[in-house]
Amino acid sequence: MFSTAAPYTIITFPFLFAIMFGDFGHGIIITLFGAWMVLNEKSLLAKKTDNEFWNILFGGRYIILLMGVFSMYTGLIYNDIFSKSINIFGSSWHPAFNDSVLMSKELTLDPGNKSHYDQYPYPFGLDPMWQIATNKINFNNSYKMKISIIFGVFHMLFGVFLSMWNHRFFNRPMDIYCEFIPQLLFMCCLFLYLVSLVFLKWTWYGAGGNPTVSPSCAPSILNTFIYMVLVKPYEEPGPECSEYMFAGQFTLQRFFLIVALLCVPWMLCARPLLLHCMHKQRTKKTHQNNQNQD
């Protein structure tokens, strides 16, 4: 069965857009605009126009509607409504300040102080207390960036597997060995490994308990990835902290980097060389057949 990316793009593109957009208020505006075009498509189709910008918008009315719906969902997840937060379930944080102080002061939320928050996950989205935290931007940017990277990497891997499906359908084994396999190895050795570090950091490092796995000891994933490409050992984040998340990480990273570097000439040169050799063999065979006929 032949596979095309169009059916999957109908869902994945609006959802990936919503992950980056992520505002409930602006999502409502996009949803209403998309719903208006969908509900009035017959009358709008009758009004033919040469406005190229309008024709592009109207042609993607269903995609725009999905973009708005998904943006509303991710906006609630981020608790972001016109760049403001709403308080639906209250707050799990209980800092030692009264309401007047909280309204006039910015706080630094510290998950390590267990007396300041309830020991259970927030019901849905982000706690509204983050709105008045001084470390709000660092937390939100890190949270949204990591989620975008995770979904983006898995989306690219999904596209690579779709290409393998097409290679099998069109009976192109050369493309499987010269394109699909090196592409998959390259993606896994670099970007899937990066995603695994994100999950490992989320699960391994936390507030309280062993100081060697406290948030202050958590290595920066960005710096780890940069030093991996530069083939340099990562600097220790603190005197009591380990520069790596697990034993043998530096050796494993060098192995992944070597495999990823080998995949580059594999992707670029293997197929042209094989086609060149096959062409030379066909030419030689044709020349021999002509000589035998003579």
C-alpha atoms as a PDB file:
ATOM      1  CA  MET A   1       0.000   0.000   0.000  1.00  0.00           C
ATOM      2  CA  PHE A   2       1.347   3.390  -1.021  1.00  0.00           C
ATOM      3  CA  SER A   3       1.744   5.855   1.850  1.00  0.00           C
ATOM      4  CA  THR A   4       1.440   9.616   1.541  1.00  0.00           C
ATOM      5  CA  ALA A   5       2.136  12.127   4.279  1.00  0.00           C
ATOM      6  CA  ALA A   6      -0.972  14.232   3.528  1.00  0.00           C
ATOM      7  CA  PRO A   7      -3.465  12.389   5.837  1.00  0.00           C
ATOM      8  CA  TYR A   8      -1.031  12.542   8.758  1.00  0.00           C
ATOM      9  CA  THR A   9      -0.095  16.175   8.080  1.00  0.00           C
ATOM     10  CA  ILE A  10      -3.765  17.169   8.429  1.00  0.00           C
ATOM     11  CA  ILE A  11      -3.471  16.373  12.151  1.00  0.00           C
ATOM     12  CA  THR A  12       0.225  16.703  12.951  1.00  0.00           C
ATOM     13  CA  PHE A  13       0.729  20.160  11.401  1.00  0.00           C
ATOM     14  CA  PRO A  14      -2.053  21.914  13.398  1.00  0.00           C
ATOM     15  CA  PHE A  15      -0.980  20.144  16.587  1.00  0.00           C
ATOM     16  CA  LEU A  16       2.693  21.070  16.188  1.00  0.00           C
ATOM     17  CA  PHE A  17       1.607  24.644  15.466  1.00  0.00           C
ATOM     18  CA  ALA A  18      -0.474  24.634  18.661  1.00  0.00           C
ATOM     19  CA  ILE A  19       2.463  23.391  20.740  1.00  0.00           C
ATOM     20  CA  MET A  20       4.468  26.447  19.668  1.00  0.00           C
ATOM     21  CA  PHE A  21       1.478  28.853  19.719  1.00  0.00           C
ATOM     22  CA  GLY A  22      -0.194  27.655  22.929  1.00  0.00           C
ATOM     23  CA  ASP A  23      -2.567  30.497  23.861  1.00  0.00           C
ATOM     24  CA  PHE A  24      -6.215  29.797  24.734  1.00  0.00           C
ATOM     25  CA  GLY A  25      -7.405  33.336  24.043  1.00  0.00           C
ATOM     26  CA  HIS A  26      -5.806  33.684  20.638  1.00  0.00           C
ATOM     27  CA  GLY A  27      -6.838  30.086  19.916  1.00  0.00           C
ATOM     28  CA  ILE A  28     -10.490  31.105  20.359  1.00  0.00           C
ATOM     29  CA  ILE A  29     -10.041  33.838  17.735  1.00  0.00           C
ATOM     30  CA  ILE A  30      -8.491  31.414  15.242  1.00  0.00           C
ATOM     31  CA  THR A  31     -11.192  28.819  15.975  1.00  0.00           C
ATOM     32  CA  LEU A  32     -14.009  31.312  15.417  1.00  0.00           C
ATOM     33  CA  PHE A  33     -12.438  32.516  12.170  1.00  0.00           C
ATOM     34  CA  GLY A  34     -11.938  28.953  10.914  1.00  0.00           C
ATOM     35  CA  ALA A  35     -15.471  27.918  11.973  1.00  0.00           C
ATOM     36  CA  TRP A  36     -16.936  30.954  10.174  1.00  0.00           C
ATOM     37  CA  MET A  37     -15.200  29.957   6.924  1.00  0.00           C
ATOM     38  CA  VAL A  38     -16.282  26.316   7.281  1.00  0.00           C
ATOM     39  CA  LEU A  39     -19.915  27.072   8.107  1.00  0.00           C
ATOM     40  CA  ASN A  40     -20.243  29.639   5.312  1.00  0.00           C
ATOM     41  CA  GLU A  41     -18.108  27.896   2.707  1.00  0.00           C
ATOM     42  CA  LYS A  42     -20.922  27.617   0.113  1.00  0.00           C
ATOM     43  CA  SER A  43     -21.711  31.333   0.151  1.00  0.00           C
ATOM     44  CA  LEU A  44     -18.019  32.225   0.259  1.00  0.00           C
ATOM     45  CA  LEU A  45     -17.285  29.908  -2.685  1.00  0.00           C
ATOM     46  CA  ALA A  46     -19.968  31.674  -4.694  1.00  0.00           C
ATOM     47  CA  LYS A  47     -18.163  34.989  -4.198  1.00  0.00           C
ATOM     48  CA  LYS A  48     -15.226  34.391  -6.509  1.00  0.00           C
ATOM     49  CA  THR A  49     -12.274  36.667  -5.896  1.00  0.00           C
ATOM     50  CA  ASP A  50      -8.757  37.086  -7.242  1.00  0.00           C
ATOM     51  CA  ASN A  51      -7.340  38.032  -3.828  1.00  0.00           C
ATOM     52  CA  GLU A  52      -4.496  35.553  -3.466  1.00  0.00           C
ATOM     53  CA  PHE A  53      -4.165  36.007   0.310  1.00  0.00           C
ATOM     54  CA  TRP A  54      -7.867  35.277   0.881  1.00  0.00           C
ATOM     55  CA  ASN A  55      -7.798  32.262  -1.430  1.00  0.00           C
ATOM     56  CA  ILE A  56      -4.901  30.785   0.547  1.00  0.00           C
ATOM     57  CA  LEU A  57      -6.722  31.295   3.853  1.00  0.00           C
ATOM     58  CA  PHE A  58     -10.007  29.937   2.529  1.00  0.00           C
ATOM     59  CA  GLY A  59      -8.303  26.930   0.967  1.00  0.00           C
ATOM     60  CA  GLY A  60      -6.872  25.992   4.372  1.00  0.00           C
ATOM     61  CA  ARG A  61     -10.049  26.670   6.368  1.00  0.00           C
ATOM     62  CA  TYR A  62     -10.214  23.197   7.902  1.00  0.00           C
ATOM     63  CA  ILE A  63      -6.534  23.314   8.858  1.00  0.00           C
ATOM     64  CA  ILE A  64      -7.069  26.765  10.418  1.00  0.00           C
ATOM     65  CA  LEU A  65     -10.026  25.421  12.396  1.00  0.00           C
ATOM     66  CA  LEU A  66      -7.914  22.557  13.751  1.00  0.00           C
ATOM     67  CA  MET A  67      -5.068  24.962  14.526  1.00  0.00           C
ATOM     68  CA  GLY A  68      -7.444  27.014  16.657  1.00  0.00           C
ATOM     69  CA  VAL A  69      -8.923  24.010  18.468  1.00  0.00           C
ATOM     70  CA  PHE A  70      -5.510  22.543  19.280  1.00  0.00           C
ATOM     71  CA  SER A  71      -4.224  25.995  20.342  1.00  0.00           C
ATOM     72  CA  MET A  72      -7.077  26.237  22.833  1.00  0.00           C
ATOM     73  CA  TYR A  73      -6.099  22.847  24.264  1.00  0.00           C
ATOM     74  CA  THR A  74      -2.379  23.621  24.563  1.00  0.00           C
ATOM     75  CA  GLY A  75      -3.226  27.087  25.898  1.00  0.00           C
ATOM     76  CA  LEU A  76      -5.063  25.440  28.788  1.00  0.00           C
ATOM     77  CA  ILE A  77      -2.117  23.084  29.298  1.00  0.00           C
ATOM     78  CA  TYR A  78       0.239  26.095  29.477  1.00  0.00           C
ATOM     79  CA  ASN A  79      -2.374  28.088  31.463  1.00  0.00           C
ATOM     80  CA  ASP A  80      -1.829  30.921  28.996  1.00  0.00           C
ATOM     81  CA  ILE A  81      -4.828  33.081  28.023  1.00  0.00           C
ATOM     82  CA  PHE A  82      -3.886  36.311  26.252  1.00  0.00           C
ATOM     83  CA  SER A  83      -0.524  35.958  28.053  1.00  0.00           C
ATOM     84  CA  LYS A  84      -2.311  35.748  31.416  1.00  0.00           C
ATOM     85  CA  SER A  85      -3.058  32.839  33.742  1.00  0.00           C
ATOM     86  CA  ILE A  86      -6.403  31.860  35.215  1.00  0.00           C
ATOM     87  CA  ASN A  87      -7.081  30.220  38.552  1.00  0.00           C
ATOM     88  CA  ILE A  88      -9.443  27.274  38.029  1.00  0.00           C
ATOM     89  CA  PHE A  89      -8.333  24.726  40.637  1.00  0.00           C
ATOM     90  CA  GLY A  90      -6.698  27.087  43.088  1.00  0.00           C
ATOM     91  CA  SER A  91      -2.987  26.750  43.763  1.00  0.00           C
ATOM     92  CA  SER A  92      -0.918  23.930  45.207  1.00  0.00           C
ATOM     93  CA  TRP A  93       1.626  26.454  46.540  1.00  0.00           C
ATOM     94  CA  HIS A  94       1.264  27.831  50.059  1.00  0.00           C
ATOM     95  CA  PRO A  95       4.079  30.341  50.622  1.00  0.00           C
ATOM     96  CA  ALA A  96       4.352  32.065  53.983  1.00  0.00           C
ATOM     97  CA  PHE A  97       2.923  35.381  52.738  1.00  0.00           C
ATOM     98  CA  ASN A  98      -0.508  36.939  52.954  1.00  0.00           C
ATOM     99  CA  ASP A  99      -2.515  38.100  49.923  1.00  0.00           C
ATOM    100  CA  SER A 100      -1.361  41.723  50.088  1.00  0.00           C
ATOM    101  CA  VAL A 101       2.296  40.703  50.016  1.00  0.00           C
ATOM    102  CA  LEU A 102       1.695  38.254  47.155  1.00  0.00           C
ATOM    103  CA  MET A 103       0.020  40.987  45.096  1.00  0.00           C
ATOM    104  CA  SER A 104       3.000  43.329  45.497  1.00  0.00           C
ATOM    105  CA  LYS A 105       5.925  40.917  45.475  1.00  0.00           C
ATOM    106  CA  GLU A 106       7.454  38.474  43.060  1.00  0.00           C
ATOM    107  CA  LEU A 107       8.500  35.098  44.433  1.00  0.00           C
ATOM    108  CA  THR A 108      10.990  32.404  43.524  1.00  0.00           C
ATOM    109  CA  LEU A 109       9.198  29.062  43.641  1.00  0.00           C
ATOM    110  CA  ASP A 110      11.410  26.389  45.149  1.00  0.00           C
ATOM    111  CA  PRO A 111      10.151  22.790  44.789  1.00  0.00           C
ATOM    112  CA  GLY A 112      12.803  21.762  47.309  1.00  0.00           C
ATOM    113  CA  ASN A 113      10.832  23.392  50.142  1.00  0.00           C
ATOM    114  CA  LYS A 114       8.084  20.828  50.671  1.00  0.00           C
ATOM    115  CA  SER A 115       6.249  22.976  53.220  1.00  0.00           C
ATOM    116  CA  HIS A 116       5.355  25.473  50.491  1.00  0.00           C
ATOM    117  CA  TYR A 117       3.313  23.183  48.239  1.00  0.00           C
ATOM    118  CA  ASP A 118       1.001  20.184  48.301  1.00  0.00           C
ATOM    119  CA  GLN A 119       2.527  16.819  47.495  1.00  0.00           C
ATOM    120  CA  TYR A 120       0.315  15.973  44.524  1.00  0.00           C
ATOM    121  CA  PRO A 121       0.293  16.889  40.836  1.00  0.00           C
ATOM    122  CA  TYR A 122      -1.729  19.896  39.721  1.00  0.00           C
ATOM    123  CA  PRO A 123      -5.066  18.700  38.232  1.00  0.00           C
ATOM    124  CA  PHE A 124      -4.641  20.246  34.768  1.00  0.00           C
ATOM    125  CA  GLY A 125      -2.088  22.564  33.204  1.00  0.00           C
ATOM    126  CA  LEU A 126       0.297  24.806  35.130  1.00  0.00           C
ATOM    127  CA  ASP A 127      -0.204  26.176  38.604  1.00  0.00           C
ATOM    128  CA  PRO A 128      -1.299  29.868  38.403  1.00  0.00           C
ATOM    129  CA  MET A 129       1.216  30.730  41.127  1.00  0.00           C
ATOM    130  CA  TRP A 130       3.908  30.614  38.441  1.00  0.00           C
ATOM    131  CA  GLN A 131       2.470  33.877  37.093  1.00  0.00           C
ATOM    132  CA  ILE A 132       4.047  35.878  39.954  1.00  0.00           C
ATOM    133  CA  ALA A 133       7.277  33.854  40.170  1.00  0.00           C
ATOM    134  CA  THR A 134      10.586  35.450  39.224  1.00  0.00           C
ATOM    135  CA  ASN A 135      11.708  32.158  37.676  1.00  0.00           C
ATOM    136  CA  LYS A 136       8.508  31.884  35.593  1.00  0.00           C
ATOM    137  CA  ILE A 137      10.214  32.622  32.256  1.00  0.00           C
ATOM    138  CA  ASN A 138      13.027  30.135  32.847  1.00  0.00           C
ATOM    139  CA  PHE A 139      10.568  27.426  33.853  1.00  0.00           C
ATOM    140  CA  ASN A 140       8.073  28.041  31.020  1.00  0.00           C
ATOM    141  CA  ASN A 141      10.704  28.389  28.313  1.00  0.00           C
ATOM    142  CA  SER A 142      12.454  25.202  29.408  1.00  0.00           C
ATOM    143  CA  TYR A 143       9.148  23.328  29.663  1.00  0.00           C
ATOM    144  CA  LYS A 144       7.848  24.450  26.253  1.00  0.00           C
ATOM    145  CA  MET A 145      11.197  24.003  24.512  1.00  0.00           C
ATOM    146  CA  LYS A 146      11.610  20.444  25.743  1.00  0.00           C
ATOM    147  CA  ILE A 147       8.064  19.498  24.740  1.00  0.00           C
ATOM    148  CA  SER A 148       8.567  21.019  21.283  1.00  0.00           C
ATOM    149  CA  ILE A 149      11.810  19.077  20.822  1.00  0.00           C
ATOM    150  CA  ILE A 150      10.200  15.783  21.917  1.00  0.00           C
ATOM    151  CA  PHE A 151       7.235  16.098  19.572  1.00  0.00           C
ATOM    152  CA  GLY A 152       9.418  17.414  16.742  1.00  0.00           C
ATOM    153  CA  VAL A 153      11.874  14.512  16.940  1.00  0.00           C
ATOM    154  CA  PHE A 154       9.136  11.877  17.014  1.00  0.00           C
ATOM    155  CA  HIS A 155       7.405  13.630  14.112  1.00  0.00           C
ATOM    156  CA  MET A 156      10.607  13.491  12.036  1.00  0.00           C
ATOM    157  CA  LEU A 157      11.120   9.822  12.920  1.00  0.00           C
ATOM    158  CA  PHE A 158       7.548   9.136  11.826  1.00  0.00           C
ATOM    159  CA  GLY A 159       8.319  10.752   8.462  1.00  0.00           C
ATOM    160  CA  VAL A 160      11.435   8.610   8.069  1.00  0.00           C
ATOM    161  CA  PHE A 161       9.397   5.441   8.663  1.00  0.00           C
ATOM    162  CA  LEU A 162       6.834   6.616   6.090  1.00  0.00           C
ATOM    163  CA  SER A 163       9.636   6.841   3.520  1.00  0.00           C
ATOM    164  CA  MET A 164      10.563   3.208   4.236  1.00  0.00           C
ATOM    165  CA  TRP A 165       6.941   2.231   3.617  1.00  0.00           C
ATOM    166  CA  ASN A 166       7.086   3.890   0.198  1.00  0.00           C
ATOM    167  CA  HIS A 167      10.446   2.299  -0.653  1.00  0.00           C
ATOM    168  CA  ARG A 168       8.925  -1.125  -0.018  1.00  0.00           C
ATOM    169  CA  PHE A 169       5.810  -0.308  -2.045  1.00  0.00           C
ATOM    170  CA  PHE A 170       7.824   0.804  -5.081  1.00  0.00           C
ATOM    171  CA  ASN A 171      10.275  -2.101  -4.621  1.00  0.00           C
ATOM    172  CA  ARG A 172      13.350   0.092  -4.112  1.00  0.00           C
ATOM    173  CA  PRO A 173      15.629  -1.897  -1.780  1.00  0.00           C
ATOM    174  CA  MET A 174      18.580   0.342  -2.642  1.00  0.00           C
ATOM    175  CA  ASP A 175      16.786   3.350  -1.139  1.00  0.00           C
ATOM    176  CA  ILE A 176      16.123   1.375   2.051  1.00  0.00           C
ATOM    177  CA  TYR A 177      19.805   0.533   2.528  1.00  0.00           C
ATOM    178  CA  CYS A 178      21.215   3.843   1.243  1.00  0.00           C
ATOM    179  CA  GLU A 179      18.655   6.316   2.610  1.00  0.00           C
ATOM    180  CA  PHE A 180      16.298   4.919   5.244  1.00  0.00           C
ATOM    181  CA  ILE A 181      18.822   3.051   7.395  1.00  0.00           C
ATOM    182  CA  PRO A 182      21.450   5.859   7.602  1.00  0.00           C
ATOM    183  CA  GLN A 183      18.725   8.470   8.159  1.00  0.00           C
ATOM    184  CA  LEU A 184      17.257   6.421  11.001  1.00  0.00           C
ATOM    185  CA  LEU A 185      20.669   5.837  12.583  1.00  0.00           C
ATOM    186  CA  PHE A 186      21.552   9.536  12.298  1.00  0.00           C
ATOM    187  CA  MET A 187      18.268  10.608  13.910  1.00  0.00           C
ATOM    188  CA  CYS A 188      18.499   8.047  16.714  1.00  0.00           C
ATOM    189  CA  CYS A 189      22.168   8.622  17.557  1.00  0.00           C
ATOM    190  CA  LEU A 190      21.749  12.384  17.879  1.00  0.00           C
ATOM    191  CA  PHE A 191      18.191  13.561  18.371  1.00  0.00           C
ATOM    192  CA  LEU A 192      16.504  10.509  19.895  1.00  0.00           C
ATOM    193  CA  TYR A 193      19.430  10.353  22.317  1.00  0.00           C
ATOM    194  CA  LEU A 194      18.775  14.023  23.131  1.00  0.00           C
ATOM    195  CA  VAL A 195      15.111  13.229  23.879  1.00  0.00           C
ATOM    196  CA  SER A 196      16.143  10.314  26.102  1.00  0.00           C
ATOM    197  CA  LEU A 197      18.331  12.710  28.107  1.00  0.00           C
ATOM    198  CA  VAL A 198      15.302  14.971  28.624  1.00  0.00           C
ATOM    199  CA  PHE A 199      13.236  12.105  30.054  1.00  0.00           C
ATOM    200  CA  LEU A 200      16.174  10.911  32.140  1.00  0.00           C
ATOM    201  CA  LYS A 201      16.637  14.385  33.600  1.00  0.00           C
ATOM    202  CA  TRP A 202      12.938  14.656  34.403  1.00  0.00           C
ATOM    203  CA  THR A 203      12.826  11.317  36.197  1.00  0.00           C
ATOM    204  CA  TRP A 204      16.264  11.174  37.831  1.00  0.00           C
ATOM    205  CA  TYR A 205      16.728  14.674  39.241  1.00  0.00           C
ATOM    206  CA  GLY A 206      14.303  16.135  41.762  1.00  0.00           C
ATOM    207  CA  ALA A 207      13.948  18.215  44.900  1.00  0.00           C
ATOM    208  CA  GLY A 208      14.970  16.729  48.240  1.00  0.00           C
ATOM    209  CA  GLY A 209      16.704  13.471  49.011  1.00  0.00           C
ATOM    210  CA  ASN A 210      20.181  12.779  47.684  1.00  0.00           C
ATOM    211  CA  PRO A 211      21.996  16.089  46.975  1.00  0.00           C
ATOM    212  CA  THR A 212      23.867  14.534  44.024  1.00  0.00           C
ATOM    213  CA  VAL A 213      20.568  14.250  42.118  1.00  0.00           C
ATOM    214  CA  SER A 214      19.158  17.605  43.201  1.00  0.00           C
ATOM    215  CA  PRO A 215      18.066  20.151  40.542  1.00  0.00           C
ATOM    216  CA  SER A 216      21.253  22.180  41.110  1.00  0.00           C
ATOM    217  CA  CYS A 217      23.316  19.125  40.116  1.00  0.00           C
ATOM    218  CA  ALA A 218      21.357  18.391  36.947  1.00  0.00           C
ATOM    219  CA  PRO A 219      23.660  18.885  33.932  1.00  0.00           C
ATOM    220  CA  SER A 220      22.483  21.210  31.195  1.00  0.00           C
ATOM    221  CA  ILE A 221      21.212  19.089  28.298  1.00  0.00           C
ATOM    222  CA  LEU A 222      22.090  21.817  25.801  1.00  0.00           C
ATOM    223  CA  ASN A 223      25.679  22.002  27.046  1.00  0.00           C
ATOM    224  CA  THR A 224      25.880  18.198  27.142  1.00  0.00           C
ATOM    225  CA  PHE A 225      24.801  18.017  23.496  1.00  0.00           C
ATOM    226  CA  ILE A 226      27.240  20.764  22.446  1.00  0.00           C
ATOM    227  CA  TYR A 227      30.165  19.085  24.221  1.00  0.00           C
ATOM    228  CA  MET A 228      29.122  15.778  22.668  1.00  0.00           C
ATOM    229  CA  VAL A 229      29.514  17.256  19.170  1.00  0.00           C
ATOM    230  CA  LEU A 230      32.807  18.901  20.168  1.00  0.00           C
ATOM    231  CA  VAL A 231      34.015  15.581  21.656  1.00  0.00           C
ATOM    232  CA  LYS A 232      34.931  17.255  24.925  1.00  0.00           C
ATOM    233  CA  PRO A 233      34.200  16.137  28.499  1.00  0.00           C
ATOM    234  CA  TYR A 234      31.423  18.155  30.103  1.00  0.00           C
ATOM    235  CA  GLU A 235      32.401  20.417  32.990  1.00  0.00           C
ATOM    236  CA  GLU A 236      31.091  19.556  36.428  1.00  0.00           C
ATOM    237  CA  PRO A 237      28.016  21.632  37.431  1.00  0.00           C
ATOM    238  CA  GLY A 238      29.033  21.630  41.107  1.00  0.00           C
ATOM    239  CA  PRO A 239      31.586  20.302  43.624  1.00  0.00           C
ATOM    240  CA  GLU A 240      29.369  17.422  44.787  1.00  0.00           C
ATOM    241  CA  CYS A 241      27.787  16.804  41.390  1.00  0.00           C
ATOM    242  CA  SER A 242      28.600  14.437  38.583  1.00  0.00           C
ATOM    243  CA  GLU A 243      29.119  15.898  35.140  1.00  0.00           C
ATOM    244  CA  TYR A 244      27.270  12.957  33.572  1.00  0.00           C
ATOM    245  CA  MET A 245      23.842  11.479  34.200  1.00  0.00           C
ATOM    246  CA  PHE A 246      25.013   7.852  34.137  1.00  0.00           C
ATOM    247  CA  ALA A 247      28.220   5.844  34.005  1.00  0.00           C
ATOM    248  CA  GLY A 248      29.810   5.464  30.589  1.00  0.00           C
ATOM    249  CA  GLN A 249      27.893   8.394  29.111  1.00  0.00           C
ATOM    250  CA  PHE A 250      30.977   9.991  27.535  1.00  0.00           C
ATOM    251  CA  THR A 251      31.972   6.720  25.808  1.00  0.00           C
ATOM    252  CA  LEU A 252      28.414   6.162  24.613  1.00  0.00           C
ATOM    253  CA  GLN A 253      28.246   9.705  23.230  1.00  0.00           C
ATOM    254  CA  ARG A 254      31.468   9.242  21.287  1.00  0.00           C
ATOM    255  CA  PHE A 255      30.103   6.023  19.805  1.00  0.00           C
ATOM    256  CA  PHE A 256      26.848   7.735  18.790  1.00  0.00           C
ATOM    257  CA  LEU A 257      28.770  10.632  17.268  1.00  0.00           C
ATOM    258  CA  ILE A 258      31.005   8.322  15.214  1.00  0.00           C
ATOM    259  CA  VAL A 259      27.971   6.417  13.911  1.00  0.00           C
ATOM    260  CA  ALA A 260      26.203   9.703  13.041  1.00  0.00           C
ATOM    261  CA  LEU A 261      29.285  11.006  11.190  1.00  0.00           C
ATOM    262  CA  LEU A 262      29.582   7.763   9.227  1.00  0.00           C
ATOM    263  CA  CYS A 263      25.938   8.082   8.203  1.00  0.00           C
ATOM    264  CA  VAL A 264      26.635  11.374   6.377  1.00  0.00           C
ATOM    265  CA  PRO A 265      28.862   9.940   3.589  1.00  0.00           C
ATOM    266  CA  TRP A 266      26.650   6.840   3.629  1.00  0.00           C
ATOM    267  CA  MET A 267      23.611   8.968   2.754  1.00  0.00           C
ATOM    268  CA  LEU A 268      25.441  11.178   0.263  1.00  0.00           C
ATOM    269  CA  CYS A 269      27.741   8.761  -1.553  1.00  0.00           C
ATOM    270  CA  ALA A 270      26.430   5.185  -1.308  1.00  0.00           C
ATOM    271  CA  ARG A 271      23.536   5.519  -3.753  1.00  0.00           C
ATOM    272  CA  PRO A 272      25.454   7.475  -6.456  1.00  0.00           C
ATOM    273  CA  LEU A 273      28.372   5.009  -6.267  1.00  0.00           C
ATOM    274  CA  LEU A 274      26.068   2.005  -6.563  1.00  0.00           C
ATOM    275  CA  LEU A 275      24.231   3.573  -9.508  1.00  0.00           C
ATOM    276  CA  HIS A 276      27.570   4.352 -11.163  1.00  0.00           C
ATOM    277  CA  CYS A 277      28.761   0.763 -10.723  1.00  0.00           C
ATOM    278  CA  MET A 278      25.466  -0.595 -12.043  1.00  0.00           C
ATOM    279  CA  HIS A 279      25.701   1.718 -15.051  1.00  0.00           C
ATOM    280  CA  LYS A 280      29.264   0.562 -15.789  1.00  0.00           C
ATOM    281  CA  GLN A 281      28.201  -3.075 -15.564  1.00  0.00           C
ATOM    282  CA  ARG A 282      25.267  -2.498 -17.932  1.00  0.00           C
ATOM    283  CA  THR A 283      27.521  -0.649 -20.366  1.00  0.00           C
ATOM    284  CA  LYS A 284      30.114  -3.417 -20.223  1.00  0.00           C
ATOM    285  CA  LYS A 285      27.476  -6.088 -20.700  1.00  0.00           C
ATOM    286  CA  THR A 286      25.959  -4.217 -23.652  1.00  0.00           C
ATOM    287  CA  HIS A 287      29.397  -3.830 -25.221  1.00  0.00           C
ATOM    288  CA  GLN A 288      30.113  -7.543 -24.818  1.00  0.00           C
ATOM    289  CA  ASN A 289      26.764  -8.477 -26.379  1.00  0.00           C
ATOM    290  CA  ASN A 290      27.481  -6.225 -29.358  1.00  0.00           C
ATOM    291  CA  GLN A 291      30.898  -7.851 -29.804  1.00  0.00           C
ATOM    292  CA  ASN A 292      29.374 -11.348 -29.694  1.00  0.00           C
ATOM    293  CA  GLN A 293      26.802 -10.376 -32.307  1.00  0.00           C
ATOM    294  CA  ASP A 294      29.528  -9.020 -34.574  1.00  0.00           C
END
